Amino acid sequence: NLNSSTGDKEKVAKVKKIYQNLNDAFGRATAVYGPYDEWFVKDANDNEKVKRAGERLTEFMKTSKVCGMEANKGCMPNSAKYNNYQSGSPNFDNSNYYKVVLADGTALAIRLDGIYIDIDGPNKGPNTIGRDLFCFRVAEDNTGILTYGDGRDESSLLNLSIKYGYNSSTWIIRYDNMDYLKVDSNGKCPNGKILDGVSNTTCN
């Protein structure tokens, strides 16, 4: 339990750091290239837009490997799983994403509808959304990067974090823990405490 708790704290710190770095890169990119929604006026299709967004965002991040739009080059896991829900198998290492590996080993995949990170890189860990894969997105007003699930009410945020993992980045930023991994399908912790995202946001 102690090792698990320490590991979760390290993961929380990594997610918070990449969140900060993404927003810093977004701010630098828009300062140089102008408002985000004006980046794509010359692009003919979504893949061209994804490539432009990826190139401009990662220009202001330290990278160790750039795969760009090419598939199966080892910048992201070939397949991934949903947290506690295995019927889906999303693939982030395909030609619909702009992909890089950051200098700290974090794998990063960018698409117009989301930004995905694998905090332990493409070849380690469970490759599971909510455990080592986390999701972000560009804000509706194009002013920055938000966690995926930002704006959801606490109940649906917890339920979707437990089942799929997509909204886990919001849980982590809000509550500074990954305790959605410790609960059963009803939000019950091993010690009997019930997480609700309001009065109870940790199993401790």
N, C-alpha and C. Protein backbone atom coordinates (compact mmCIF):
# COMPACT_ATOMS: atom_id res chain seq x y z
N ASN A 1 0.82 -1.20 0.00
CA ASN A 1 0.00 0.00 0.00
C ASN A 1 0.86 1.25 0.00
N LEU A 2 1.96 1.21 0.76
CA LEU A 2 2.85 2.37 0.82
C LEU A 2 3.50 2.60 -0.54
N ASN A 3 3.96 1.49 -1.17
CA ASN A 3 4.56 1.62 -2.49
C ASN A 3 3.55 2.14 -3.51
N SER A 4 2.32 1.66 -3.41
CA SER A 4 1.27 2.12 -4.31
C SER A 4 0.99 3.60 -4.12
N SER A 5 0.93 4.03 -2.85
CA SER A 5 0.68 5.44 -2.55
C SER A 5 1.79 6.33 -3.07
N THR A 6 3.04 5.88 -2.89
CA THR A 6 4.18 6.66 -3.38
C THR A 6 4.15 6.73 -4.90
N GLY A 7 3.83 5.61 -5.54
CA GLY A 7 3.75 5.59 -6.99
C GLY A 7 2.68 6.52 -7.52
N ASP A 8 1.53 6.54 -6.85
CA ASP A 8 0.44 7.43 -7.26
C ASP A 8 0.85 8.89 -7.12
N LYS A 9 1.56 9.23 -6.06
CA LYS A 9 1.99 10.61 -5.86
C LYS A 9 2.94 11.04 -6.98
N GLU A 10 3.82 10.12 -7.39
CA GLU A 10 4.74 10.43 -8.49
C GLU A 10 3.97 10.64 -9.79
N LYS A 11 2.95 9.82 -10.03
CA LYS A 11 2.15 9.97 -11.23
C LYS A 11 1.37 11.28 -11.21
N VAL A 12 0.80 11.61 -10.06
CA VAL A 12 0.07 12.88 -9.91
C VAL A 12 0.99 14.05 -10.23
N ALA A 13 2.21 14.00 -9.71
CA ALA A 13 3.17 15.08 -9.96
C ALA A 13 3.49 15.19 -11.44
N LYS A 14 3.63 14.05 -12.13
CA LYS A 14 3.94 14.07 -13.56
C LYS A 14 2.77 14.65 -14.36
N VAL A 15 1.55 14.24 -14.02
CA VAL A 15 0.38 14.76 -14.74
C VAL A 15 0.27 16.26 -14.56
N LYS A 16 0.49 16.74 -13.34
CA LYS A 16 0.41 18.18 -13.08
C LYS A 16 1.51 18.93 -13.82
N LYS A 17 2.69 18.33 -13.90
CA LYS A 17 3.80 18.98 -14.60
C LYS A 17 3.51 19.09 -16.10
N ILE A 18 3.05 18.00 -16.72
CA ILE A 18 2.78 18.05 -18.15
C ILE A 18 1.63 19.00 -18.44
N TYR A 19 0.66 19.07 -17.56
CA TYR A 19 -0.45 20.02 -17.72
C TYR A 19 0.09 21.45 -17.75
N GLN A 20 0.98 21.76 -16.84
CA GLN A 20 1.61 23.08 -16.81
C GLN A 20 2.43 23.31 -18.07
N ASN A 21 3.18 22.30 -18.50
CA ASN A 21 4.04 22.44 -19.68
C ASN A 21 3.21 22.62 -20.95
N LEU A 22 2.09 21.92 -21.04
CA LEU A 22 1.22 22.07 -22.20
C LEU A 22 0.67 23.49 -22.28
N ASN A 23 0.24 24.02 -21.16
CA ASN A 23 -0.28 25.39 -21.17
C ASN A 23 0.81 26.41 -21.46
N ASP A 24 2.01 26.15 -20.96
CA ASP A 24 3.12 27.04 -21.26
C ASP A 24 3.43 27.02 -22.76
N ALA A 25 3.47 25.81 -23.34
CA ALA A 25 3.73 25.69 -24.78
C ALA A 25 2.63 26.34 -25.60
N PHE A 26 1.38 26.17 -25.18
CA PHE A 26 0.25 26.78 -25.88
C PHE A 26 0.38 28.30 -25.84
N GLY A 27 0.72 28.85 -24.68
CA GLY A 27 0.88 30.29 -24.56
C GLY A 27 2.00 30.83 -25.44
N ARG A 28 3.11 30.10 -25.47
CA ARG A 28 4.24 30.53 -26.30
C ARG A 28 3.88 30.45 -27.79
N ALA A 29 3.19 29.37 -28.16
CA ALA A 29 2.84 29.18 -29.57
C ALA A 29 1.87 30.26 -30.05
N THR A 30 0.88 30.60 -29.23
CA THR A 30 -0.07 31.62 -29.65
C THR A 30 0.58 33.01 -29.65
N ALA A 31 1.57 33.22 -28.80
CA ALA A 31 2.29 34.49 -28.82
C ALA A 31 3.06 34.66 -30.12
N VAL A 32 3.58 33.56 -30.65
CA VAL A 32 4.36 33.61 -31.90
C VAL A 32 3.47 33.55 -33.14
N TYR A 33 2.49 32.63 -33.13
CA TYR A 33 1.71 32.35 -34.34
C TYR A 33 0.31 32.95 -34.34
N GLY A 34 -0.08 33.60 -33.27
CA GLY A 34 -1.41 34.19 -33.21
C GLY A 34 -2.42 33.24 -32.59
N PRO A 35 -3.69 33.65 -32.53
CA PRO A 35 -4.74 32.85 -31.90
C PRO A 35 -4.86 31.46 -32.50
N TYR A 36 -5.12 30.48 -31.66
CA TYR A 36 -5.18 29.08 -32.06
C TYR A 36 -6.13 28.84 -33.22
N ASP A 37 -7.33 29.44 -33.18
CA ASP A 37 -8.31 29.17 -34.22
C ASP A 37 -7.94 29.80 -35.56
N GLU A 38 -6.90 30.62 -35.59
CA GLU A 38 -6.44 31.20 -36.85
C GLU A 38 -5.25 30.45 -37.43
N TRP A 39 -4.78 29.41 -36.74
CA TRP A 39 -3.64 28.65 -37.24
C TRP A 39 -3.97 27.89 -38.51
N PHE A 40 -5.23 27.55 -38.72
CA PHE A 40 -5.59 26.53 -39.71
C PHE A 40 -6.25 27.08 -40.97
N VAL A 41 -6.15 28.38 -41.20
CA VAL A 41 -6.89 28.99 -42.32
C VAL A 41 -6.42 28.46 -43.68
N LYS A 42 -5.19 27.98 -43.77
CA LYS A 42 -4.66 27.49 -45.05
C LYS A 42 -4.67 25.96 -45.15
N ASP A 43 -5.20 25.28 -44.13
CA ASP A 43 -5.18 23.82 -44.12
C ASP A 43 -6.44 23.25 -44.75
N ALA A 44 -6.24 22.26 -45.60
CA ALA A 44 -7.35 21.72 -46.39
C ALA A 44 -8.14 20.64 -45.66
N ASN A 45 -7.52 19.94 -44.70
CA ASN A 45 -8.23 18.84 -44.04
C ASN A 45 -7.74 18.71 -42.60
N ASP A 46 -8.38 17.79 -41.86
CA ASP A 46 -8.08 17.64 -40.44
C ASP A 46 -6.65 17.18 -40.19
N ASN A 47 -6.12 16.31 -41.03
CA ASN A 47 -4.76 15.83 -40.82
C ASN A 47 -3.74 16.97 -40.95
N GLU A 48 -3.97 17.88 -41.90
CA GLU A 48 -3.10 19.04 -42.02
C GLU A 48 -3.21 19.93 -40.79
N LYS A 49 -4.41 20.06 -40.25
CA LYS A 49 -4.62 20.86 -39.04
C LYS A 49 -3.92 20.22 -37.84
N VAL A 50 -4.05 18.90 -37.73
CA VAL A 50 -3.40 18.18 -36.62
C VAL A 50 -1.89 18.35 -36.70
N LYS A 51 -1.34 18.22 -37.89
CA LYS A 51 0.10 18.37 -38.07
C LYS A 51 0.56 19.77 -37.68
N ARG A 52 -0.19 20.77 -38.08
CA ARG A 52 0.18 22.15 -37.75
C ARG A 52 0.10 22.38 -36.24
N ALA A 53 -0.98 21.91 -35.62
CA ALA A 53 -1.12 22.07 -34.16
C ALA A 53 0.01 21.35 -33.44
N GLY A 54 0.30 20.12 -33.86
CA GLY A 54 1.36 19.36 -33.22
C GLY A 54 2.72 20.01 -33.35
N GLU A 55 3.04 20.46 -34.55
CA GLU A 55 4.34 21.09 -34.77
C GLU A 55 4.49 22.36 -33.94
N ARG A 56 3.44 23.16 -33.88
CA ARG A 56 3.53 24.43 -33.18
C ARG A 56 3.56 24.26 -31.66
N LEU A 57 2.79 23.34 -31.15
CA LEU A 57 2.81 23.12 -29.71
C LEU A 57 4.14 22.51 -29.25
N THR A 58 4.60 21.49 -29.96
CA THR A 58 5.81 20.79 -29.51
C THR A 58 7.08 21.57 -29.84
N GLU A 59 6.97 22.60 -30.67
CA GLU A 59 8.12 23.47 -30.91
C GLU A 59 8.61 24.08 -29.61
N PHE A 60 7.71 24.25 -28.67
CA PHE A 60 8.04 24.90 -27.40
C PHE A 60 8.11 23.90 -26.24
N MET A 61 8.35 22.63 -26.59
CA MET A 61 8.55 21.59 -25.60
C MET A 61 9.83 20.84 -25.94
N LYS A 62 10.52 20.34 -24.95
CA LYS A 62 11.76 19.60 -25.18
C LYS A 62 11.41 18.17 -25.58
N THR A 63 11.84 17.77 -26.77
CA THR A 63 11.51 16.44 -27.27
C THR A 63 12.78 15.62 -27.48
N SER A 64 12.64 14.30 -27.36
CA SER A 64 13.75 13.41 -27.65
C SER A 64 13.51 12.61 -28.93
N LYS A 65 12.25 12.54 -29.37
CA LYS A 65 11.92 11.82 -30.59
C LYS A 65 10.65 12.42 -31.20
N VAL A 66 10.66 12.61 -32.50
CA VAL A 66 9.50 13.15 -33.20
C VAL A 66 9.05 12.14 -34.26
N CYS A 67 7.82 11.64 -34.11
CA CYS A 67 7.26 10.72 -35.10
C CYS A 67 6.30 11.44 -36.05
N GLY A 68 5.85 12.62 -35.65
CA GLY A 68 4.91 13.36 -36.48
C GLY A 68 3.64 12.57 -36.72
N MET A 69 3.17 12.58 -37.97
CA MET A 69 1.92 11.91 -38.31
C MET A 69 2.14 10.44 -38.71
N GLU A 70 3.37 9.99 -38.71
CA GLU A 70 3.64 8.61 -39.13
C GLU A 70 3.19 7.61 -38.06
N ALA A 71 2.64 6.52 -38.51
CA ALA A 71 2.17 5.47 -37.60
C ALA A 71 3.28 4.46 -37.33
N ASN A 72 3.15 3.79 -36.18
CA ASN A 72 4.02 2.66 -35.83
C ASN A 72 5.51 3.02 -35.82
N LYS A 73 5.82 4.19 -35.32
CA LYS A 73 7.21 4.61 -35.20
C LYS A 73 7.69 4.59 -33.76
N GLY A 74 6.81 4.19 -32.83
CA GLY A 74 7.22 3.99 -31.45
C GLY A 74 7.13 5.19 -30.54
N CYS A 75 6.35 6.20 -30.92
CA CYS A 75 6.20 7.35 -30.03
C CYS A 75 5.02 7.21 -29.07
N MET A 76 4.08 6.34 -29.39
CA MET A 76 2.94 6.07 -28.51
C MET A 76 2.67 4.57 -28.51
N PRO A 77 1.97 4.07 -27.49
CA PRO A 77 1.62 2.64 -27.49
C PRO A 77 0.79 2.28 -28.71
N ASN A 78 1.02 1.09 -29.26
CA ASN A 78 0.23 0.63 -30.40
C ASN A 78 -1.23 0.41 -30.03
N SER A 79 -1.48 0.10 -28.78
CA SER A 79 -2.85 -0.06 -28.32
C SER A 79 -2.93 0.36 -26.87
N ALA A 80 -4.12 0.72 -26.45
CA ALA A 80 -4.34 1.14 -25.07
C ALA A 80 -5.67 0.59 -24.59
N LYS A 81 -5.90 0.64 -23.30
CA LYS A 81 -7.12 0.12 -22.70
C LYS A 81 -7.82 1.22 -21.91
N TYR A 82 -9.12 1.02 -21.73
CA TYR A 82 -9.88 1.88 -20.83
C TYR A 82 -9.75 1.34 -19.42
N ASN A 83 -9.75 2.21 -18.44
CA ASN A 83 -9.65 1.81 -17.05
C ASN A 83 -10.90 1.03 -16.64
N ASN A 84 -10.70 -0.22 -16.21
CA ASN A 84 -11.79 -1.07 -15.71
C ASN A 84 -12.90 -1.32 -16.73
N TYR A 85 -12.60 -1.18 -18.00
CA TYR A 85 -13.63 -1.39 -19.02
C TYR A 85 -12.89 -1.78 -20.29
N GLN A 86 -12.81 -3.07 -20.56
CA GLN A 86 -11.88 -3.56 -21.56
C GLN A 86 -12.49 -3.81 -22.94
N SER A 87 -13.72 -3.37 -23.19
CA SER A 87 -14.31 -3.66 -24.49
C SER A 87 -13.72 -2.77 -25.58
N GLY A 88 -13.13 -1.66 -25.21
CA GLY A 88 -12.53 -0.77 -26.19
C GLY A 88 -11.02 -0.88 -26.16
N SER A 89 -10.37 -0.59 -27.28
CA SER A 89 -8.91 -0.62 -27.36
C SER A 89 -8.45 0.52 -28.24
N PRO A 90 -8.46 1.74 -27.72
CA PRO A 90 -8.05 2.88 -28.56
C PRO A 90 -6.59 2.78 -28.96
N ASN A 91 -6.30 3.24 -30.17
CA ASN A 91 -4.94 3.22 -30.70
C ASN A 91 -4.48 4.65 -30.96
N PHE A 92 -3.52 5.10 -30.18
CA PHE A 92 -3.03 6.47 -30.32
C PHE A 92 -1.81 6.56 -31.24
N ASP A 93 -1.27 5.43 -31.64
CA ASP A 93 -0.09 5.44 -32.52
C ASP A 93 -0.53 5.17 -33.95
N ASN A 94 -1.31 6.10 -34.51
CA ASN A 94 -1.72 5.96 -35.91
C ASN A 94 -1.56 7.30 -36.62
N SER A 95 -1.93 7.35 -37.87
CA SER A 95 -1.65 8.53 -38.68
C SER A 95 -2.64 9.66 -38.46
N ASN A 96 -3.54 9.52 -37.49
CA ASN A 96 -4.46 10.61 -37.17
C ASN A 96 -3.95 11.50 -36.04
N TYR A 97 -2.81 11.14 -35.46
CA TYR A 97 -2.24 11.88 -34.35
C TYR A 97 -0.84 12.39 -34.71
N TYR A 98 -0.50 13.55 -34.17
CA TYR A 98 0.88 14.04 -34.24
C TYR A 98 1.56 13.59 -32.95
N LYS A 99 2.68 12.85 -33.07
CA LYS A 99 3.25 12.17 -31.92
C LYS A 99 4.71 12.53 -31.69
N VAL A 100 5.06 12.70 -30.41
CA VAL A 100 6.46 12.92 -30.02
C VAL A 100 6.70 12.20 -28.70
N VAL A 101 7.97 12.00 -28.38
CA VAL A 101 8.38 11.61 -27.03
C VAL A 101 9.14 12.79 -26.46
N LEU A 102 8.73 13.23 -25.28
CA LEU A 102 9.37 14.38 -24.64
C LEU A 102 10.69 13.97 -24.00
N ALA A 103 11.49 14.97 -23.66
CA ALA A 103 12.82 14.72 -23.10
C ALA A 103 12.77 13.92 -21.80
N ASP A 104 11.67 14.05 -21.04
CA ASP A 104 11.56 13.31 -19.78
C ASP A 104 10.98 11.91 -19.96
N GLY A 105 10.76 11.49 -21.23
CA GLY A 105 10.25 10.15 -21.50
C GLY A 105 8.75 10.07 -21.70
N THR A 106 8.04 11.15 -21.45
CA THR A 106 6.60 11.17 -21.64
C THR A 106 6.25 11.08 -23.12
N ALA A 107 5.32 10.19 -23.47
CA ALA A 107 4.83 10.11 -24.85
C ALA A 107 3.64 11.04 -25.00
N LEU A 108 3.56 11.71 -26.16
CA LEU A 108 2.54 12.73 -26.37
C LEU A 108 1.92 12.54 -27.75
N ALA A 109 0.59 12.49 -27.82
CA ALA A 109 -0.13 12.39 -29.08
C ALA A 109 -1.17 13.50 -29.14
N ILE A 110 -1.20 14.23 -30.25
CA ILE A 110 -2.06 15.39 -30.39
C ILE A 110 -3.05 15.17 -31.52
N ARG A 111 -4.31 15.46 -31.25
CA ARG A 111 -5.34 15.48 -32.27
C ARG A 111 -6.24 16.67 -31.97
N LEU A 112 -7.09 17.08 -32.91
CA LEU A 112 -7.90 18.26 -32.70
C LEU A 112 -8.87 18.11 -31.54
N ASP A 113 -9.34 16.87 -31.29
CA ASP A 113 -10.32 16.65 -30.22
C ASP A 113 -9.68 16.25 -28.91
N GLY A 114 -8.35 16.20 -28.83
CA GLY A 114 -7.73 15.84 -27.57
C GLY A 114 -6.23 15.74 -27.66
N ILE A 115 -5.58 15.85 -26.51
CA ILE A 115 -4.14 15.68 -26.37
C ILE A 115 -3.94 14.57 -25.35
N TYR A 116 -3.17 13.56 -25.71
CA TYR A 116 -3.02 12.38 -24.88
C TYR A 116 -1.57 12.19 -24.48
N ILE A 117 -1.34 11.88 -23.21
CA ILE A 117 0.02 11.65 -22.73
C ILE A 117 0.11 10.26 -22.08
N ASP A 118 1.25 9.64 -22.26
CA ASP A 118 1.58 8.41 -21.54
C ASP A 118 2.79 8.74 -20.69
N ILE A 119 2.59 8.84 -19.38
CA ILE A 119 3.62 9.41 -18.52
C ILE A 119 4.84 8.53 -18.36
N ASP A 120 4.72 7.22 -18.66
CA ASP A 120 5.90 6.37 -18.57
C ASP A 120 6.39 5.93 -19.95
N GLY A 121 5.97 6.64 -20.99
CA GLY A 121 6.47 6.38 -22.32
C GLY A 121 5.72 5.29 -23.04
N PRO A 122 6.05 5.04 -24.30
CA PRO A 122 5.28 4.12 -25.12
C PRO A 122 5.50 2.64 -24.83
N ASN A 123 6.57 2.31 -24.14
CA ASN A 123 6.93 0.90 -23.99
C ASN A 123 6.90 0.40 -22.55
N LYS A 124 6.34 1.17 -21.65
CA LYS A 124 6.27 0.77 -20.25
C LYS A 124 4.85 0.92 -19.73
N GLY A 125 4.61 0.30 -18.59
CA GLY A 125 3.35 0.49 -17.90
C GLY A 125 2.18 -0.23 -18.54
N PRO A 126 1.00 -0.06 -17.98
CA PRO A 126 -0.18 -0.80 -18.44
C PRO A 126 -0.82 -0.23 -19.71
N ASN A 127 -0.39 0.99 -20.14
CA ASN A 127 -0.99 1.65 -21.30
C ASN A 127 -2.51 1.71 -21.16
N THR A 128 -2.94 2.20 -20.01
CA THR A 128 -4.35 2.26 -19.67
C THR A 128 -4.75 3.69 -19.33
N ILE A 129 -5.86 4.13 -19.94
CA ILE A 129 -6.34 5.48 -19.69
C ILE A 129 -6.80 5.58 -18.23
N GLY A 130 -6.25 6.54 -17.52
CA GLY A 130 -6.57 6.72 -16.10
C GLY A 130 -5.51 6.14 -15.18
N ARG A 131 -4.59 5.34 -15.74
CA ARG A 131 -3.51 4.75 -14.95
C ARG A 131 -2.16 5.33 -15.34
N ASP A 132 -1.83 5.29 -16.63
CA ASP A 132 -0.61 5.96 -17.09
C ASP A 132 -0.85 6.79 -18.34
N LEU A 133 -2.05 6.68 -18.92
CA LEU A 133 -2.46 7.51 -20.04
C LEU A 133 -3.49 8.53 -19.57
N PHE A 134 -3.30 9.80 -19.96
CA PHE A 134 -4.19 10.86 -19.49
C PHE A 134 -4.52 11.81 -20.63
N CYS A 135 -5.66 12.47 -20.53
CA CYS A 135 -6.22 13.21 -21.66
C CYS A 135 -6.45 14.68 -21.32
N PHE A 136 -6.17 15.52 -22.30
CA PHE A 136 -6.38 16.97 -22.20
C PHE A 136 -7.05 17.45 -23.48
N ARG A 137 -7.42 18.73 -23.52
CA ARG A 137 -8.03 19.27 -24.72
C ARG A 137 -7.82 20.78 -24.76
N VAL A 138 -7.99 21.35 -25.95
CA VAL A 138 -7.95 22.80 -26.09
C VAL A 138 -9.30 23.36 -25.63
N ALA A 139 -9.27 24.43 -24.86
CA ALA A 139 -10.50 25.05 -24.35
C ALA A 139 -11.39 25.53 -25.50
N GLU A 140 -12.70 25.54 -25.25
CA GLU A 140 -13.65 25.95 -26.29
C GLU A 140 -13.36 27.36 -26.80
N ASP A 141 -12.87 28.23 -25.93
CA ASP A 141 -12.58 29.61 -26.36
C ASP A 141 -11.16 29.75 -26.90
N ASN A 142 -10.46 28.61 -27.04
CA ASN A 142 -9.12 28.57 -27.65
C ASN A 142 -8.07 29.37 -26.89
N THR A 143 -8.25 29.50 -25.57
CA THR A 143 -7.32 30.32 -24.79
C THR A 143 -6.31 29.50 -23.99
N GLY A 144 -6.41 28.18 -24.03
CA GLY A 144 -5.48 27.37 -23.25
C GLY A 144 -5.84 25.90 -23.31
N ILE A 145 -5.12 25.11 -22.52
CA ILE A 145 -5.33 23.67 -22.44
C ILE A 145 -6.09 23.35 -21.16
N LEU A 146 -7.12 22.51 -21.28
CA LEU A 146 -7.90 22.07 -20.13
C LEU A 146 -7.73 20.56 -19.95
N THR A 147 -8.00 20.09 -18.75
CA THR A 147 -8.08 18.65 -18.54
C THR A 147 -9.33 18.12 -19.22
N TYR A 148 -9.28 16.89 -19.69
CA TYR A 148 -10.44 16.27 -20.31
C TYR A 148 -11.44 15.93 -19.21
N GLY A 149 -12.63 16.49 -19.29
CA GLY A 149 -13.61 16.31 -18.23
C GLY A 149 -13.81 17.57 -17.42
N ASP A 150 -13.01 18.61 -17.67
CA ASP A 150 -13.19 19.88 -16.99
C ASP A 150 -14.62 20.39 -17.24
N GLY A 151 -15.29 20.79 -16.17
CA GLY A 151 -16.66 21.27 -16.31
C GLY A 151 -17.70 20.23 -15.94
N ARG A 152 -17.32 18.97 -15.84
CA ARG A 152 -18.29 17.94 -15.44
C ARG A 152 -18.61 18.06 -13.95
N ASP A 153 -19.83 17.64 -13.60
CA ASP A 153 -20.17 17.61 -12.19
C ASP A 153 -19.41 16.46 -11.52
N GLU A 154 -19.33 16.53 -10.19
CA GLU A 154 -18.47 15.61 -9.44
C GLU A 154 -18.87 14.16 -9.60
N SER A 155 -20.17 13.87 -9.64
CA SER A 155 -20.62 12.49 -9.73
C SER A 155 -20.22 11.85 -11.05
N SER A 156 -20.52 12.53 -12.16
CA SER A 156 -20.17 11.94 -13.46
C SER A 156 -18.67 11.91 -13.65
N LEU A 157 -17.96 12.88 -13.08
CA LEU A 157 -16.51 12.89 -13.16
C LEU A 157 -15.93 11.63 -12.52
N LEU A 158 -16.40 11.28 -11.33
CA LEU A 158 -15.91 10.10 -10.64
C LEU A 158 -16.30 8.83 -11.39
N ASN A 159 -17.57 8.72 -11.80
CA ASN A 159 -18.03 7.52 -12.47
C ASN A 159 -17.27 7.26 -13.76
N LEU A 160 -17.03 8.31 -14.53
CA LEU A 160 -16.33 8.14 -15.80
C LEU A 160 -14.85 7.89 -15.58
N SER A 161 -14.29 8.44 -14.50
CA SER A 161 -12.89 8.16 -14.18
C SER A 161 -12.72 6.70 -13.79
N ILE A 162 -13.67 6.16 -13.00
CA ILE A 162 -13.60 4.77 -12.59
C ILE A 162 -13.75 3.84 -13.79
N LYS A 163 -14.72 4.12 -14.64
CA LYS A 163 -15.07 3.19 -15.72
C LYS A 163 -14.13 3.29 -16.91
N TYR A 164 -13.94 4.51 -17.42
CA TYR A 164 -13.17 4.67 -18.65
C TYR A 164 -11.79 5.28 -18.43
N GLY A 165 -11.68 6.24 -17.51
CA GLY A 165 -10.41 6.89 -17.25
C GLY A 165 -10.23 8.22 -17.96
N TYR A 166 -11.09 8.54 -18.92
CA TYR A 166 -10.89 9.75 -19.70
C TYR A 166 -10.89 11.02 -18.85
N ASN A 167 -11.70 11.06 -17.83
CA ASN A 167 -11.80 12.28 -17.02
C ASN A 167 -10.86 12.28 -15.82
N SER A 168 -9.98 11.29 -15.75
CA SER A 168 -9.10 11.17 -14.58
C SER A 168 -8.13 12.33 -14.45
N SER A 169 -7.75 12.96 -15.57
CA SER A 169 -6.85 14.11 -15.46
C SER A 169 -7.51 15.25 -14.69
N THR A 170 -8.81 15.43 -14.89
CA THR A 170 -9.53 16.46 -14.13
C THR A 170 -9.58 16.10 -12.65
N TRP A 171 -9.83 14.82 -12.35
CA TRP A 171 -9.85 14.38 -10.94
C TRP A 171 -8.50 14.67 -10.29
N ILE A 172 -7.41 14.34 -11.00
CA ILE A 172 -6.07 14.53 -10.45
C ILE A 172 -5.78 16.00 -10.18
N ILE A 173 -6.10 16.86 -11.13
CA ILE A 173 -5.82 18.29 -10.95
C ILE A 173 -6.68 18.88 -9.85
N ARG A 174 -7.93 18.46 -9.77
CA ARG A 174 -8.83 19.00 -8.73
C ARG A 174 -8.46 18.52 -7.33
N TYR A 175 -8.15 17.22 -7.21
CA TYR A 175 -8.07 16.62 -5.88
C TYR A 175 -6.69 16.09 -5.50
N ASP A 176 -5.74 16.16 -6.43
CA ASP A 176 -4.34 15.85 -6.11
C ASP A 176 -4.16 14.39 -5.69
N ASN A 177 -4.95 13.49 -6.26
CA ASN A 177 -4.79 12.07 -5.96
C ASN A 177 -5.33 11.23 -7.12
N MET A 178 -5.12 9.92 -7.03
CA MET A 178 -5.67 8.97 -8.01
C MET A 178 -6.55 7.95 -7.32
N ASP A 179 -7.28 8.38 -6.32
CA ASP A 179 -8.05 7.44 -5.51
C ASP A 179 -9.24 6.85 -6.24
N TYR A 180 -9.58 7.36 -7.41
CA TYR A 180 -10.61 6.71 -8.23
C TYR A 180 -10.17 5.29 -8.61
N LEU A 181 -8.87 5.00 -8.52
CA LEU A 181 -8.38 3.65 -8.81
C LEU A 181 -8.60 2.70 -7.64
N LYS A 182 -8.87 3.23 -6.47
CA LYS A 182 -8.98 2.40 -5.27
C LYS A 182 -10.41 1.96 -4.98
N VAL A 183 -11.38 2.56 -5.65
CA VAL A 183 -12.78 2.33 -5.29
C VAL A 183 -13.43 1.27 -6.17
N ASP A 184 -14.57 0.74 -5.70
CA ASP A 184 -15.34 -0.18 -6.52
C ASP A 184 -16.27 0.63 -7.44
N SER A 185 -17.15 -0.04 -8.15
CA SER A 185 -18.00 0.64 -9.13
C SER A 185 -18.97 1.63 -8.49
N ASN A 186 -19.15 1.53 -7.17
CA ASN A 186 -20.04 2.45 -6.46
C ASN A 186 -19.27 3.58 -5.78
N GLY A 187 -17.96 3.63 -5.99
CA GLY A 187 -17.16 4.68 -5.38
C GLY A 187 -16.73 4.38 -3.96
N LYS A 188 -16.82 3.09 -3.55
CA LYS A 188 -16.50 2.71 -2.18
C LYS A 188 -15.02 2.36 -2.05
N CYS A 189 -14.35 3.01 -1.10
CA CYS A 189 -12.94 2.75 -0.84
C CYS A 189 -12.77 1.46 -0.04
N PRO A 190 -11.57 0.88 -0.01
CA PRO A 190 -11.33 -0.32 0.80
C PRO A 190 -11.66 -0.14 2.28
N ASN A 191 -11.54 1.09 2.80
CA ASN A 191 -11.85 1.35 4.21
C ASN A 191 -13.31 1.67 4.44
N GLY A 192 -14.14 1.58 3.40
CA GLY A 192 -15.57 1.81 3.53
C GLY A 192 -16.01 3.22 3.20
N LYS A 193 -15.09 4.13 3.10
CA LYS A 193 -15.41 5.50 2.75
C LYS A 193 -15.93 5.57 1.32
N ILE A 194 -16.89 6.45 1.06
CA ILE A 194 -17.48 6.60 -0.26
C ILE A 194 -17.01 7.91 -0.88
N LEU A 195 -16.33 7.81 -2.02
CA LEU A 195 -15.94 9.03 -2.72
C LEU A 195 -17.14 9.61 -3.46
N ASP A 196 -17.32 10.93 -3.34
CA ASP A 196 -18.39 11.58 -4.09
C ASP A 196 -17.90 12.81 -4.84
N GLY A 197 -16.63 13.16 -4.65
CA GLY A 197 -16.11 14.34 -5.33
C GLY A 197 -16.57 15.64 -4.74
N VAL A 198 -17.27 15.57 -3.61
CA VAL A 198 -17.77 16.80 -2.95
C VAL A 198 -17.22 16.85 -1.53
N SER A 199 -17.83 16.06 -0.63
CA SER A 199 -17.34 16.03 0.74
C SER A 199 -16.19 15.05 0.91
N ASN A 200 -16.18 14.00 0.08
CA ASN A 200 -15.11 13.01 0.12
C ASN A 200 -14.40 12.96 -1.22
N THR A 201 -13.14 13.38 -1.24
CA THR A 201 -12.37 13.39 -2.49
C THR A 201 -11.11 12.54 -2.37
N THR A 202 -10.97 11.82 -1.26
CA THR A 202 -9.85 10.91 -1.07
C THR A 202 -10.27 9.76 -0.19
N CYS A 203 -9.65 8.60 -0.37
CA CYS A 203 -9.94 7.45 0.48
C CYS A 203 -9.23 7.57 1.82
N ASN A 204 -8.28 8.44 1.97
CA ASN A 204 -7.53 8.58 3.23
C ASN A 204 -8.41 9.18 4.32
